[in-house]
Amino acid sequence: MSKTNDKPVALITGGSRGIGFGCASRLAELGFDIAINGMRDESAVGEPIEKLQALGADVLYCQGDIGSSDARSAMLAKIKDHFGKLNVLVNNAGVAPKERKDLLEASEESFDYVIGTNVKGPYFLSQAAANWMIEQKAADKNAFFAIINIGSISATVASVNRGEYCVAKSGIAMMSALFAARLGEYDIPVYEVRPGVTKTDMTSGVSDKYDKLIEDGLCVTKRWGYPEDVGKAVGALASGEFPYSTGQVIMVDGGMTLPRL
């Protein structure tokens, strides 16, 4: 049964942990109802769901692989049935290579795995969500809709032992520009938020490496980034605070990519 209320609805892929949960938490604080997607069974994500509910959000969990067309369709259908609308899509879900291998040794299987989840999934989820947003915009021209893509400094910073990840994030950068250009006529902004070195499950295996690099001056702001840092940027964009900035990249990297002498 669809629900009707004035609260906006956001879908955050990979929203049960890491950067995705940081984004979901901030949007819940700002008064959004939340749909989160993930690969784990719903019984395994009870704690993050309860935390989001404690912030006042109605929370819907949509299990599924965003690299799958059927899973994407089921996800949006479930949101439509439960909430009746979708205002903001946050494309956050992503995977790292299962093994970090040198560019001259990495496999096609690894490339397909990373690209399928990190580029193909968000690309076609954005396509489907955008078409639904266009329909909603036609019915309510004053409603705000947006797509926010979580990219990475790896879109421009080369890491030769995880080339497939860098290629995927550069694809997200172009995808953001493409959807921004296409959706401009409908007044639906599209943004890319580009985190730097961030404390998550994905970076847990390289903590010692980055602890030393940060101590030695890797970032202007001399600390790790945290999911809540990204969440604050996403919250501002999702709240409509930057309606005239479609297509722009918001850096959340502590000044890591700032050119310095």
Protein backbone atom coordinates (compact mmCIF):
# COMPACT_ATOMS: atom_id res chain seq x y z
CA MET A 1 0.00 0.00 0.00
CA SER A 2 1.46 3.37 -1.00
CA LYS A 3 1.87 5.97 1.69
CA THR A 4 1.25 9.66 1.16
CA ASN A 5 2.91 12.28 3.31
CA ASP A 6 5.00 15.39 2.87
CA LYS A 7 8.33 13.80 3.75
CA PRO A 8 10.73 13.39 0.84
CA VAL A 9 12.06 9.92 0.09
CA ALA A 10 15.68 9.00 -0.64
CA LEU A 11 17.14 5.74 -1.92
CA ILE A 12 20.74 5.10 -0.90
CA THR A 13 22.36 2.08 -2.52
CA GLY A 14 24.80 0.34 -0.21
CA GLY A 15 23.13 2.33 2.54
CA SER A 16 23.48 -0.07 5.47
CA ARG A 17 27.15 0.65 6.22
CA GLY A 18 30.14 2.84 5.47
CA ILE A 19 29.66 5.95 3.39
CA GLY A 20 26.16 4.85 2.42
CA PHE A 21 25.05 4.68 6.04
CA GLY A 22 26.66 8.06 6.69
CA CYS A 23 24.53 9.48 3.87
CA ALA A 24 21.38 7.70 5.02
CA SER A 25 21.84 8.92 8.59
CA ARG A 26 22.24 12.53 7.53
CA LEU A 27 19.18 12.39 5.27
CA ALA A 28 17.14 10.82 8.06
CA GLU A 29 18.24 13.68 10.35
CA LEU A 30 17.06 16.12 7.70
CA GLY A 31 13.58 14.62 7.61
CA PHE A 32 13.76 12.14 4.75
CA ASP A 33 12.16 8.74 4.73
CA ILE A 34 14.77 6.23 3.65
CA ALA A 35 15.09 3.25 1.35
CA ILE A 36 18.41 1.47 1.59
CA ASN A 37 19.69 -1.21 -0.72
CA GLY A 38 22.26 -3.88 0.03
CA MET A 39 23.29 -7.44 -0.71
CA ARG A 40 22.89 -8.79 2.82
CA ASP A 41 19.73 -10.44 4.06
CA GLU A 42 17.41 -8.07 5.90
CA SER A 43 17.99 -9.99 9.14
CA ALA A 44 21.65 -8.91 8.99
CA VAL A 45 20.93 -5.17 8.77
CA GLY A 46 18.62 -4.77 11.75
CA GLU A 47 21.01 -2.50 13.64
CA PRO A 48 21.44 0.19 10.95
CA ILE A 49 17.72 0.10 10.21
CA GLU A 50 16.92 0.67 13.89
CA LYS A 51 19.38 3.57 14.05
CA LEU A 52 17.74 5.24 11.06
CA GLN A 53 14.28 4.68 12.54
CA ALA A 54 15.47 6.28 15.78
CA LEU A 55 16.23 9.39 13.74
CA GLY A 56 12.57 9.55 12.71
CA ALA A 57 12.69 7.88 9.31
CA ASP A 58 10.36 5.28 7.89
CA VAL A 59 12.94 2.79 6.58
CA LEU A 60 12.49 0.31 3.75
CA TYR A 61 15.16 -2.28 2.99
CA CYS A 62 15.58 -3.38 -0.62
CA GLN A 63 17.87 -6.36 -0.94
CA GLY A 64 19.46 -6.94 -4.32
CA ASP A 65 22.45 -6.62 -6.62
CA ILE A 66 22.32 -3.28 -8.44
CA GLY A 67 24.25 -4.91 -11.27
CA SER A 68 21.10 -6.95 -12.02
CA SER A 69 18.32 -5.50 -14.15
CA ASP A 70 15.68 -7.58 -12.35
CA ALA A 71 16.95 -6.47 -8.93
CA ARG A 72 16.88 -2.80 -9.93
CA SER A 73 13.32 -3.09 -11.22
CA ALA A 74 12.20 -4.90 -8.06
CA MET A 75 13.85 -2.27 -5.89
CA LEU A 76 12.05 0.65 -7.53
CA ALA A 77 8.75 -1.25 -7.56
CA LYS A 78 9.06 -1.89 -3.82
CA ILE A 79 9.74 1.81 -3.17
CA LYS A 80 6.79 2.83 -5.34
CA ASP A 81 4.50 0.43 -3.51
CA HIS A 82 5.65 1.49 -0.03
CA PHE A 83 6.28 5.23 -0.39
CA GLY A 84 4.64 6.11 -3.69
CA LYS A 85 7.49 8.42 -4.64
CA LEU A 86 11.24 8.90 -4.87
CA ASN A 87 12.84 12.33 -4.55
CA VAL A 88 16.55 11.59 -4.28
CA LEU A 89 18.71 8.74 -5.54
CA VAL A 90 22.16 8.36 -3.97
CA ASN A 91 24.25 5.99 -6.05
CA ASN A 92 26.72 4.83 -3.42
CA ALA A 93 27.02 1.03 -3.69
CA GLY A 94 30.36 -0.10 -4.98
CA VAL A 95 32.92 -2.86 -4.78
CA ALA A 96 36.69 -3.00 -4.80
CA PRO A 97 38.61 -5.66 -6.72
CA LYS A 98 38.58 -8.92 -4.79
CA GLU A 99 42.36 -8.94 -5.20
CA ARG A 100 44.52 -5.89 -5.78
CA LYS A 101 46.63 -6.83 -8.78
CA ASP A 102 49.07 -4.90 -10.91
CA LEU A 103 47.61 -3.38 -14.06
CA LEU A 104 49.65 -5.83 -16.17
CA GLU A 105 48.20 -8.84 -14.36
CA ALA A 106 44.57 -7.98 -13.52
CA SER A 107 41.90 -10.27 -14.96
CA GLU A 108 38.91 -9.62 -17.19
CA GLU A 109 36.74 -11.29 -14.55
CA SER A 110 37.78 -8.69 -11.98
CA PHE A 111 37.17 -5.88 -14.46
CA ASP A 112 33.68 -7.15 -15.28
CA TYR A 113 32.85 -7.59 -11.58
CA VAL A 114 33.86 -4.04 -10.64
CA ILE A 115 32.42 -2.32 -13.71
CA GLY A 116 29.14 -4.21 -13.45
CA THR A 117 28.48 -3.05 -9.92
CA ASN A 118 30.17 0.34 -9.92
CA VAL A 119 29.16 1.68 -13.34
CA LYS A 120 26.54 -0.43 -15.11
CA GLY A 121 24.35 -0.71 -12.01
CA PRO A 122 24.27 3.04 -11.17
CA TYR A 123 23.93 3.97 -14.86
CA PHE A 124 20.76 1.98 -15.44
CA LEU A 125 19.34 2.59 -11.96
CA SER A 126 19.72 6.31 -12.66
CA GLN A 127 18.00 5.87 -16.02
CA ALA A 128 15.00 4.17 -14.43
CA ALA A 129 14.84 6.56 -11.46
CA ALA A 130 15.18 9.60 -13.73
CA ASN A 131 12.22 8.53 -15.85
CA TRP A 132 10.13 8.11 -12.70
CA MET A 133 11.29 11.49 -11.39
CA ILE A 134 10.28 13.11 -14.68
CA GLU A 135 6.78 11.68 -14.27
CA GLN A 136 6.60 12.96 -10.69
CA LYS A 137 7.91 16.39 -11.72
CA ALA A 138 5.17 16.67 -14.34
CA ALA A 139 2.60 16.05 -11.61
CA ASP A 140 4.20 18.45 -9.11
CA LYS A 141 6.46 21.10 -10.64
CA ASN A 142 7.41 22.46 -7.20
CA ALA A 143 8.75 19.16 -5.91
CA PHE A 144 12.53 18.74 -5.70
CA PHE A 145 14.30 15.76 -7.22
CA ALA A 146 18.01 14.99 -7.54
CA ILE A 147 20.52 12.27 -8.33
CA ILE A 148 23.73 12.21 -6.31
CA ASN A 149 26.56 9.92 -7.36
CA ILE A 150 29.27 8.94 -4.90
CA GLY A 151 32.48 8.95 -6.90
CA SER A 152 36.06 8.88 -5.68
CA ILE A 153 39.35 10.67 -6.04
CA SER A 154 40.26 7.50 -7.95
CA ALA A 155 38.49 9.09 -10.92
CA THR A 156 41.64 11.17 -11.41
CA VAL A 157 44.27 9.70 -9.05
CA ALA A 158 45.84 6.64 -10.69
CA SER A 159 46.31 3.49 -8.60
CA VAL A 160 47.98 0.90 -10.82
CA ASN A 161 47.15 -1.99 -8.47
CA ARG A 162 43.39 -1.44 -8.79
CA GLY A 163 42.97 -0.08 -12.27
CA GLU A 164 39.45 -1.45 -12.71
CA TYR A 165 38.27 0.61 -9.72
CA CYS A 166 39.82 3.79 -11.12
CA VAL A 167 38.23 3.19 -14.52
CA ALA A 168 34.87 2.62 -12.82
CA LYS A 169 35.06 5.86 -10.85
CA SER A 170 36.07 7.84 -13.93
CA GLY A 171 32.96 6.31 -15.53
CA ILE A 172 30.85 7.62 -12.64
CA ALA A 173 32.28 11.09 -13.27
CA MET A 174 31.19 11.06 -16.91
CA MET A 175 27.86 9.46 -16.02
CA SER A 176 27.19 12.36 -13.64
CA ALA A 177 27.92 14.88 -16.37
CA LEU A 178 25.74 13.04 -18.88
CA PHE A 179 22.70 12.78 -16.64
CA ALA A 180 23.11 16.39 -15.53
CA ALA A 181 23.07 17.52 -19.16
CA ARG A 182 20.10 15.32 -20.06
CA LEU A 183 17.92 16.15 -17.04
CA GLY A 184 18.48 19.91 -17.11
CA GLU A 185 15.31 20.52 -19.10
CA TYR A 186 13.33 18.88 -16.28
CA ASP A 187 15.08 20.90 -13.55
CA ILE A 188 16.45 17.73 -11.94
CA PRO A 189 20.03 18.38 -10.80
CA VAL A 190 22.69 15.69 -10.80
CA TYR A 191 25.85 15.88 -8.70
CA GLU A 192 28.97 13.90 -8.00
CA VAL A 193 30.39 13.78 -4.47
CA ARG A 194 34.01 12.66 -4.60
CA PRO A 195 35.41 11.34 -1.29
CA GLY A 196 39.08 10.92 -0.54
CA VAL A 197 40.63 8.45 1.89
CA THR A 198 37.67 7.46 4.06
CA LYS A 199 37.43 5.11 7.06
CA THR A 200 35.18 2.27 5.89
CA ASP A 201 35.22 -1.51 5.55
CA MET A 202 36.75 -1.06 2.11
CA THR A 203 39.83 0.71 3.49
CA SER A 204 40.26 -1.39 6.63
CA GLY A 205 42.94 -3.52 5.02
CA VAL A 206 45.13 -0.52 4.20
CA SER A 207 44.69 1.44 7.44
CA ASP A 208 48.35 1.31 8.42
CA LYS A 209 49.45 2.52 5.00
CA TYR A 210 47.14 5.54 5.05
CA ASP A 211 47.75 6.33 8.72
CA LYS A 212 51.39 6.93 7.80
CA LEU A 213 50.62 8.81 4.58
CA ILE A 214 48.18 11.12 6.37
CA GLU A 215 50.68 11.72 9.16
CA ASP A 216 53.26 12.60 6.49
CA GLY A 217 50.98 15.20 4.90
CA LEU A 218 48.89 13.37 2.31
CA CYS A 219 45.90 15.58 3.12
CA VAL A 220 45.72 19.28 3.95
CA THR A 221 43.25 18.41 6.70
CA LYS A 222 45.44 16.00 8.63
CA ARG A 223 43.01 13.17 9.31
CA TRP A 224 41.00 10.41 7.68
CA GLY A 225 37.68 11.26 6.12
CA TYR A 226 34.62 9.71 7.76
CA PRO A 227 31.26 8.63 6.35
CA GLU A 228 29.57 11.55 8.11
CA ASP A 229 31.79 13.98 6.16
CA VAL A 230 30.31 12.64 2.94
CA GLY A 231 26.85 12.53 4.49
CA LYS A 232 26.93 16.26 5.24
CA ALA A 233 27.72 17.07 1.61
CA VAL A 234 25.01 14.74 0.35
CA GLY A 235 22.53 16.24 2.82
CA ALA A 236 23.11 19.76 1.54
CA LEU A 237 22.69 18.67 -2.07
CA ALA A 238 19.61 16.54 -1.35
CA SER A 239 18.00 19.43 0.53
CA GLY A 240 18.12 21.62 -2.57
CA GLU A 241 20.76 24.00 -1.23
CA PHE A 242 22.64 23.98 -4.55
CA PRO A 243 19.93 24.05 -7.24
CA TYR A 244 22.09 26.04 -9.69
CA SER A 245 25.11 23.73 -9.49
CA THR A 246 24.01 20.71 -11.48
CA GLY A 247 26.83 18.67 -12.96
CA GLN A 248 29.35 19.81 -10.38
CA VAL A 249 31.83 17.73 -8.42
CA ILE A 250 31.90 18.22 -4.64
CA MET A 251 35.28 17.22 -3.26
CA VAL A 252 35.29 15.65 0.23
CA ASP A 253 38.96 14.71 0.39
CA GLY A 254 40.51 16.90 3.07
CA GLY A 255 42.44 18.78 0.38
CA MET A 256 44.25 15.64 -0.75
CA THR A 257 43.96 16.50 -4.45
CA LEU A 258 44.69 20.19 -3.94
CA PRO A 259 47.81 21.03 -6.00
CA ARG A 260 50.61 22.01 -3.63
CA LEU A 261 54.27 22.94 -3.88
